[in-house]
Amino acid sequence: QVQLVESGGGLVQPGGSLRLSCTASGFTLDYRAIGWFRQAPGKEREAVSCIISSNGSTRYTEAVKGRFTISIDNAKKTVSLQMDRLKPEDTAVYYCAVDSPVTCLHYDDYPYEAWGSWGQGTPVTVSS
């Protein structure tokens, strides 16, 4: 059974940091891509970042470049999203999803619905 579980969300002050994790079970990360997405209240789900397991190639949406870092531990089947210098506009439920490397390569072109299996999400609130 393919399953993704996110963890690490919480409440943090502006300028602070959080580290989210996405742990996979029921499948390997070989030749796959893991993406992070977020959905703020009343807004559509948007892409944040993705990584290809085979070569570590990454993509970031413009709003998080230089602040967020995605990484993968293939042995632990875990993809992490280090979020630094957080802003109130980063407040959202963060989801991870898995799909083929091609989906990550076309990160900016493909809709989020193109991604396959999803986790249940972890909430992030950036507020003073």
Foldseek 3Di string as FASTA:
>chain_A
DWAKAKDWADEAAQQAKIKMKIAIPPDALPQKKKWKWWDAPPGDIATAKMARVPPGDMDGDPVQPPFWDWDDDRVRRMIMIIGGNDDQVVWTWMKMFMDGPVCRVCVVPDDPVVTDDMHPTDTHGHHD
